[in-house]
Every structure is written in structure tokens, then in C-alpha cells.
Amino acid sequence: MKLSAFIILADLLLAFTTAPQVWAAAGDVLLSDNFNDGKLDGWTIEYGNWYINPQGNLAGSNSGRMLGGRINTGNSEWDNYRIDLDINGFQGIDGGVRFRYTPNGNSYQLDLKFALNSNYTPEAILRKTENGTTTILGDTHSITLQGQTWYHLKIEASNDHIKVWIHDGLIFDITDTGTKVKKG
């Protein structure tokens, strides 16, 4: 099976909860997992230490490779959809979600940089990788991303239009004219 919607971990500990869901444009649920069964059925661990913690959350911890890990699920044929999930950078400074990923490496990625102390500036970055080139489509410091805090993310990909919300506040509303990153 080709996999597409990536959830990415970087640094020490990150957790996801509240049943990550992927919704088709027509409103059909493409993916939902609340991790209540304690299993990672349907998820592929690329690297890192991923597990269901005692609170019932998908969690990852330091693996030694770039201080992070990657776990994924999805389908490379998905096109227009919305992802809803909650994320918490417990001890790490980076986390994110990669979407519209295809095996050739094309994708979009929302990176979150959490502020753990005065040495880190919180930041949300929307990137696109197309044909081996990564570009920044959006970057904001207007969100105060603190470690050990839950954030609700919503990402909507519709044709060449990408929207991202944190706690129902729209942070990116970008039309990526001419993009070839339309599935995954």
C-alpha cells in the first residue's frame, strides 16, 4: 500500500490525540483512529520510537536519527481532504504533519516549533516539496506554541488551495497556483 498522510516527530517527545481524522471533501471519513485499542494497526513506523502511551495517545520519543521519528498512514490517491488532530510537543521543539505525500517525495508539510524556554521562538511553517525542491509557502510567529500544551490542528487541501487552523484560528490561507502536489 502506498502511504501518504505523514505525521512527523522531531526531537524528544510528541503526542497526538483526539482521534486523528481525515475527511474527504464530500464529508466522508477517510481515516479515524482513537488509539483506544492500544495498537498502531494501519500505521507504518519509518523510524523512531512510536507507541500508545498510558493516556491513550500516539506518542513518539527520541530515536537518535535527527532526534526524531516518522510514522505514517493514508493513501496516495487521496486528493481533496481535511485533517483534524491534536498535537503536543511535550519535550521536543519541533513536530508536524506532512500531507499530500507521494512516493516520489512530493508533499506539503506543516512544521511546528514549540517554545520551551527563551532560547526558542515559536513558529509555524508551511512548506512544499515538489520535484526535489522545498519552498516555504508560509511562515508565522503569531502563534505562541508552548511545550506541554495541546493544540488542535486542522489542515484543508482542496485542489491548489491550502488552509491551516490552530485552535480554529486561520493561520495560513494559501493558493499554490500551478502546483503538481495534488494527491497523497
C-alpha atoms as a PDB file:
ATOM      1  CA  MET A   1       0.000   0.000   0.000  1.00  0.00           C
ATOM      2  CA  LYS A   2       1.265   3.467  -0.821  1.00  0.00           C
ATOM      3  CA  LEU A   3       1.194   5.743   2.192  1.00  0.00           C
ATOM      4  CA  SER A   4       0.539   9.442   2.215  1.00  0.00           C
ATOM      5  CA  ALA A   5      -0.547  11.474   5.225  1.00  0.00           C
ATOM      6  CA  PHE A   6       2.564  11.630   7.362  1.00  0.00           C
ATOM      7  CA  ILE A   7       2.711  12.587  10.989  1.00  0.00           C
ATOM      8  CA  ILE A   8       6.253  13.599  11.768  1.00  0.00           C
ATOM      9  CA  LEU A   9       8.135  13.736  15.044  1.00  0.00           C
ATOM     10  CA  ALA A  10      11.349  15.601  15.647  1.00  0.00           C
ATOM     11  CA  ASP A  11      13.154  15.848  18.970  1.00  0.00           C
ATOM     12  CA  LEU A  12      12.271  14.185  22.241  1.00  0.00           C
ATOM     13  CA  LEU A  13       8.557  13.603  22.810  1.00  0.00           C
ATOM     14  CA  LEU A  14       5.435  14.445  20.890  1.00  0.00           C
ATOM     15  CA  ALA A  15       1.899  13.106  21.266  1.00  0.00           C
ATOM     16  CA  PHE A  16      -1.237  13.084  19.150  1.00  0.00           C
ATOM     17  CA  THR A  17      -4.739  12.507  20.487  1.00  0.00           C
ATOM     18  CA  THR A  18      -8.441  13.150  19.894  1.00  0.00           C
ATOM     19  CA  ALA A  19      -8.736  10.588  17.122  1.00  0.00           C
ATOM     20  CA  PRO A  20      -6.767  11.980  14.190  1.00  0.00           C
ATOM     21  CA  GLN A  21      -9.258  12.106  11.347  1.00  0.00           C
ATOM     22  CA  VAL A  22      -9.056  12.695   7.618  1.00  0.00           C
ATOM     23  CA  TRP A  23     -12.244  13.848   5.904  1.00  0.00           C
ATOM     24  CA  ALA A  24     -12.935  13.819   2.160  1.00  0.00           C
ATOM     25  CA  ALA A  25     -14.331  16.961   0.551  1.00  0.00           C
ATOM     26  CA  ALA A  26     -17.716  15.203   0.348  1.00  0.00           C
ATOM     27  CA  GLY A  27     -17.700  14.746   4.138  1.00  0.00           C
ATOM     28  CA  ASP A  28     -16.804  11.045   4.174  1.00  0.00           C
ATOM     29  CA  VAL A  29     -14.318   9.931   6.822  1.00  0.00           C
ATOM     30  CA  LEU A  30     -11.206   8.539   5.095  1.00  0.00           C
ATOM     31  CA  LEU A  31      -9.286   7.792   8.294  1.00  0.00           C
ATOM     32  CA  SER A  32     -10.008   7.860  12.015  1.00  0.00           C
ATOM     33  CA  ASP A  33      -8.002   6.316  14.844  1.00  0.00           C
ATOM     34  CA  ASN A  34      -8.563   7.000  18.543  1.00  0.00           C
ATOM     35  CA  PHE A  35      -5.854   4.514  19.631  1.00  0.00           C
ATOM     36  CA  ASN A  36      -8.224   3.029  22.258  1.00  0.00           C
ATOM     37  CA  ASP A  37      -7.186  -0.497  21.285  1.00  0.00           C
ATOM     38  CA  GLY A  38      -3.550   0.327  22.134  1.00  0.00           C
ATOM     39  CA  LYS A  39      -2.427  -0.788  18.659  1.00  0.00           C
ATOM     40  CA  LEU A  40      -0.897   1.007  15.692  1.00  0.00           C
ATOM     41  CA  ASP A  41      -2.814  -1.021  13.085  1.00  0.00           C
ATOM     42  CA  GLY A  42      -2.704   0.760   9.726  1.00  0.00           C
ATOM     43  CA  TRP A  43       0.286   2.919  10.732  1.00  0.00           C
ATOM     44  CA  THR A  44       3.816   2.371   9.442  1.00  0.00           C
ATOM     45  CA  ILE A  45       6.783   3.352  11.604  1.00  0.00           C
ATOM     46  CA  GLU A  46       9.551   4.574   9.318  1.00  0.00           C
ATOM     47  CA  TYR A  47      11.886   5.355  12.204  1.00  0.00           C
ATOM     48  CA  GLY A  48      11.711   6.418  15.796  1.00  0.00           C
ATOM     49  CA  ASN A  49      10.085   5.018  18.890  1.00  0.00           C
ATOM     50  CA  TRP A  50       6.289   5.201  18.498  1.00  0.00           C
ATOM     51  CA  TYR A  51       3.769   3.796  20.962  1.00  0.00           C
ATOM     52  CA  ILE A  52       0.390   4.357  22.576  1.00  0.00           C
ATOM     53  CA  ASN A  53       1.072   5.976  25.951  1.00  0.00           C
ATOM     54  CA  PRO A  54      -0.939   5.216  29.147  1.00  0.00           C
ATOM     55  CA  GLN A  55      -3.226   8.195  28.390  1.00  0.00           C
ATOM     56  CA  GLY A  56      -4.217   6.582  25.069  1.00  0.00           C
ATOM     57  CA  ASN A  57      -2.259   8.987  22.853  1.00  0.00           C
ATOM     58  CA  LEU A  58       0.013   8.209  19.925  1.00  0.00           C
ATOM     59  CA  ALA A  59       3.435   9.240  21.220  1.00  0.00           C
ATOM     60  CA  GLY A  60       6.978   9.216  19.947  1.00  0.00           C
ATOM     61  CA  SER A  61      10.315   9.618  21.632  1.00  0.00           C
ATOM     62  CA  ASN A  62      13.912  10.275  20.647  1.00  0.00           C
ATOM     63  CA  SER A  63      15.295   7.677  18.252  1.00  0.00           C
ATOM     64  CA  GLY A  64      18.759   9.098  17.684  1.00  0.00           C
ATOM     65  CA  ARG A  65      18.078   9.829  13.993  1.00  0.00           C
ATOM     66  CA  MET A  66      17.846  13.583  13.681  1.00  0.00           C
ATOM     67  CA  LEU A  67      16.469  13.396  17.238  1.00  0.00           C
ATOM     68  CA  GLY A  68      13.097  12.281  15.955  1.00  0.00           C
ATOM     69  CA  GLY A  69      10.999   9.832  14.077  1.00  0.00           C
ATOM     70  CA  ARG A  70       8.321   9.412  11.459  1.00  0.00           C
ATOM     71  CA  ILE A  71       5.108   7.437  11.419  1.00  0.00           C
ATOM     72  CA  ASN A  72       2.595   7.474   8.605  1.00  0.00           C
ATOM     73  CA  THR A  73      -0.736   6.301   7.317  1.00  0.00           C
ATOM     74  CA  GLY A  74      -3.006   7.163   4.416  1.00  0.00           C
ATOM     75  CA  ASN A  75      -3.398   6.645   0.696  1.00  0.00           C
ATOM     76  CA  SER A  76      -1.556   8.190  -2.243  1.00  0.00           C
ATOM     77  CA  GLU A  77      -4.826   8.590  -4.188  1.00  0.00           C
ATOM     78  CA  TRP A  78      -6.449  10.995  -1.704  1.00  0.00           C
ATOM     79  CA  ASP A  79      -6.869  14.409  -3.265  1.00  0.00           C
ATOM     80  CA  ASN A  80      -9.132  16.980  -1.559  1.00  0.00           C
ATOM     81  CA  TYR A  81      -9.431  16.397   2.189  1.00  0.00           C
ATOM     82  CA  ARG A  82      -9.235  17.844   5.695  1.00  0.00           C
ATOM     83  CA  ILE A  83      -7.079  16.551   8.555  1.00  0.00           C
ATOM     84  CA  ASP A  84      -8.106  17.155  12.194  1.00  0.00           C
ATOM     85  CA  LEU A  85      -5.850  16.228  15.112  1.00  0.00           C
ATOM     86  CA  ASP A  86      -4.439  17.429  18.398  1.00  0.00           C
ATOM     87  CA  ILE A  87      -0.689  17.727  18.940  1.00  0.00           C
ATOM     88  CA  ASN A  88       1.502  18.327  21.983  1.00  0.00           C
ATOM     89  CA  GLY A  89       5.262  18.911  21.929  1.00  0.00           C
ATOM     90  CA  PHE A  90       5.859  17.559  25.446  1.00  0.00           C
ATOM     91  CA  GLN A  91       9.639  17.847  25.491  1.00  0.00           C
ATOM     92  CA  GLY A  92      10.551  18.495  21.886  1.00  0.00           C
ATOM     93  CA  ILE A  93      10.817  21.704  19.959  1.00  0.00           C
ATOM     94  CA  ASP A  94       9.598  20.502  16.551  1.00  0.00           C
ATOM     95  CA  GLY A  95       6.684  18.466  15.283  1.00  0.00           C
ATOM     96  CA  GLY A  96       4.470  18.451  12.285  1.00  0.00           C
ATOM     97  CA  VAL A  97       2.203  16.898   9.739  1.00  0.00           C
ATOM     98  CA  ARG A  98       3.125  16.021   6.170  1.00  0.00           C
ATOM     99  CA  PHE A  99       0.231  15.667   3.749  1.00  0.00           C
ATOM    100  CA  ARG A 100      -0.334  15.006   0.072  1.00  0.00           C
ATOM    101  CA  TYR A 101       2.799  12.893   0.215  1.00  0.00           C
ATOM    102  CA  THR A 102       3.602  10.656  -2.746  1.00  0.00           C
ATOM    103  CA  PRO A 103       6.364   8.050  -3.051  1.00  0.00           C
ATOM    104  CA  ASN A 104       8.341  10.378  -5.361  1.00  0.00           C
ATOM    105  CA  GLY A 105       8.757  12.741  -2.374  1.00  0.00           C
ATOM    106  CA  ASN A 106       6.302  15.489  -3.347  1.00  0.00           C
ATOM    107  CA  SER A 107       4.349  16.798  -0.337  1.00  0.00           C
ATOM    108  CA  TYR A 108       3.236  19.666   1.828  1.00  0.00           C
ATOM    109  CA  GLN A 109       4.390  19.870   5.419  1.00  0.00           C
ATOM    110  CA  LEU A 110       3.239  21.902   8.393  1.00  0.00           C
ATOM    111  CA  ASP A 111       6.143  22.311  10.833  1.00  0.00           C
ATOM    112  CA  LEU A 112       5.550  23.485  14.392  1.00  0.00           C
ATOM    113  CA  LYS A 113       8.391  24.800  16.505  1.00  0.00           C
ATOM    114  CA  PHE A 114       7.446  24.852  20.176  1.00  0.00           C
ATOM    115  CA  ALA A 115       8.924  27.342  22.670  1.00  0.00           C
ATOM    116  CA  LEU A 116      10.350  25.514  25.649  1.00  0.00           C
ATOM    117  CA  ASN A 117      12.338  28.403  27.028  1.00  0.00           C
ATOM    118  CA  SER A 118      13.678  31.797  25.976  1.00  0.00           C
ATOM    119  CA  ASN A 119      16.128  30.150  23.538  1.00  0.00           C
ATOM    120  CA  TYR A 120      13.349  29.035  21.166  1.00  0.00           C
ATOM    121  CA  THR A 121      10.990  31.226  19.154  1.00  0.00           C
ATOM    122  CA  PRO A 122       7.642  29.547  18.454  1.00  0.00           C
ATOM    123  CA  GLU A 123       6.882  29.286  14.768  1.00  0.00           C
ATOM    124  CA  ALA A 124       4.553  27.594  12.278  1.00  0.00           C
ATOM    125  CA  ILE A 125       5.919  26.972   8.777  1.00  0.00           C
ATOM    126  CA  LEU A 126       4.093  25.626   5.724  1.00  0.00           C
ATOM    127  CA  ARG A 127       6.489  24.021   3.226  1.00  0.00           C
ATOM    128  CA  LYS A 128       6.081  22.338  -0.130  1.00  0.00           C
ATOM    129  CA  THR A 129       8.445  19.803  -1.673  1.00  0.00           C
ATOM    130  CA  GLU A 130       7.976  19.394  -5.404  1.00  0.00           C
ATOM    131  CA  ASN A 131      10.406  17.649  -7.756  1.00  0.00           C
ATOM    132  CA  GLY A 132      13.130  17.637  -5.085  1.00  0.00           C
ATOM    133  CA  THR A 133      12.885  21.357  -4.282  1.00  0.00           C
ATOM    134  CA  THR A 134      11.493  22.547  -0.937  1.00  0.00           C
ATOM    135  CA  THR A 135       9.989  26.019  -0.669  1.00  0.00           C
ATOM    136  CA  ILE A 136       8.388  27.887   2.215  1.00  0.00           C
ATOM    137  CA  LEU A 137       4.820  28.884   1.368  1.00  0.00           C
ATOM    138  CA  GLY A 138       4.069  30.497   4.717  1.00  0.00           C
ATOM    139  CA  ASP A 139       5.783  31.323   7.992  1.00  0.00           C
ATOM    140  CA  THR A 140       4.325  32.887  11.116  1.00  0.00           C
ATOM    141  CA  HIS A 141       5.425  33.727  14.632  1.00  0.00           C
ATOM    142  CA  SER A 142       1.938  34.994  15.543  1.00  0.00           C
ATOM    143  CA  ILE A 143       1.052  31.743  17.340  1.00  0.00           C
ATOM    144  CA  THR A 144       2.558  31.137  20.769  1.00  0.00           C
ATOM    145  CA  LEU A 145       3.338  27.408  20.642  1.00  0.00           C
ATOM    146  CA  GLN A 146       4.305  26.285  24.129  1.00  0.00           C
ATOM    147  CA  GLY A 147       5.610  22.845  25.038  1.00  0.00           C
ATOM    148  CA  GLN A 148       3.384  20.657  27.218  1.00  0.00           C
ATOM    149  CA  THR A 149       0.255  22.239  25.700  1.00  0.00           C
ATOM    150  CA  TRP A 150      -2.331  20.622  23.431  1.00  0.00           C
ATOM    151  CA  TYR A 151      -3.093  22.339  20.111  1.00  0.00           C
ATOM    152  CA  HIS A 152      -5.940  21.432  17.766  1.00  0.00           C
ATOM    153  CA  LEU A 153      -4.804  21.450  14.115  1.00  0.00           C
ATOM    154  CA  LYS A 154      -6.979  21.455  11.046  1.00  0.00           C
ATOM    155  CA  ILE A 155      -5.414  21.262   7.588  1.00  0.00           C
ATOM    156  CA  GLU A 156      -7.544  21.516   4.454  1.00  0.00           C
ATOM    157  CA  ALA A 157      -6.186  20.710   0.993  1.00  0.00           C
ATOM    158  CA  SER A 158      -8.531  21.485  -1.886  1.00  0.00           C
ATOM    159  CA  ASN A 159      -7.035  21.493  -5.391  1.00  0.00           C
ATOM    160  CA  ASP A 160      -4.338  24.222  -5.218  1.00  0.00           C
ATOM    161  CA  HIS A 161      -5.735  25.826  -2.048  1.00  0.00           C
ATOM    162  CA  ILE A 162      -4.256  25.043   1.403  1.00  0.00           C
ATOM    163  CA  LYS A 163      -5.725  26.290   4.691  1.00  0.00           C
ATOM    164  CA  VAL A 164      -4.344  25.671   8.185  1.00  0.00           C
ATOM    165  CA  TRP A 165      -6.000  26.426  11.503  1.00  0.00           C
ATOM    166  CA  ILE A 166      -4.681  26.181  15.058  1.00  0.00           C
ATOM    167  CA  HIS A 167      -7.444  26.261  17.695  1.00  0.00           C
ATOM    168  CA  ASP A 168      -9.897  27.421  14.989  1.00  0.00           C
ATOM    169  CA  GLY A 169      -7.725  30.453  14.169  1.00  0.00           C
ATOM    170  CA  LEU A 170      -6.796  30.531  10.488  1.00  0.00           C
ATOM    171  CA  ILE A 171      -3.000  30.879  10.229  1.00  0.00           C
ATOM    172  CA  PHE A 172      -2.448  30.038   6.543  1.00  0.00           C
ATOM    173  CA  ASP A 173      -4.767  30.544   3.565  1.00  0.00           C
ATOM    174  CA  ILE A 174      -2.609  29.947   0.514  1.00  0.00           C
ATOM    175  CA  THR A 175      -3.388  29.325  -3.131  1.00  0.00           C
ATOM    176  CA  ASP A 176      -0.458  27.456  -4.661  1.00  0.00           C
ATOM    177  CA  THR A 177      -1.128  28.147  -8.347  1.00  0.00           C
ATOM    178  CA  GLY A 178       0.371  25.607 -10.714  1.00  0.00           C
ATOM    179  CA  THR A 179       1.250  23.043  -8.047  1.00  0.00           C
ATOM    180  CA  LYS A 180       1.719  19.435  -9.076  1.00  0.00           C
ATOM    181  CA  VAL A 181       1.231  18.293  -5.468  1.00  0.00           C
ATOM    182  CA  LYS A 182      -2.459  17.413  -5.681  1.00  0.00           C
ATOM    183  CA  LYS A 183      -2.740  13.854  -4.344  1.00  0.00           C
ATOM    184  CA  GLY A 184      -1.412  11.835  -1.473  1.00  0.00           C
END
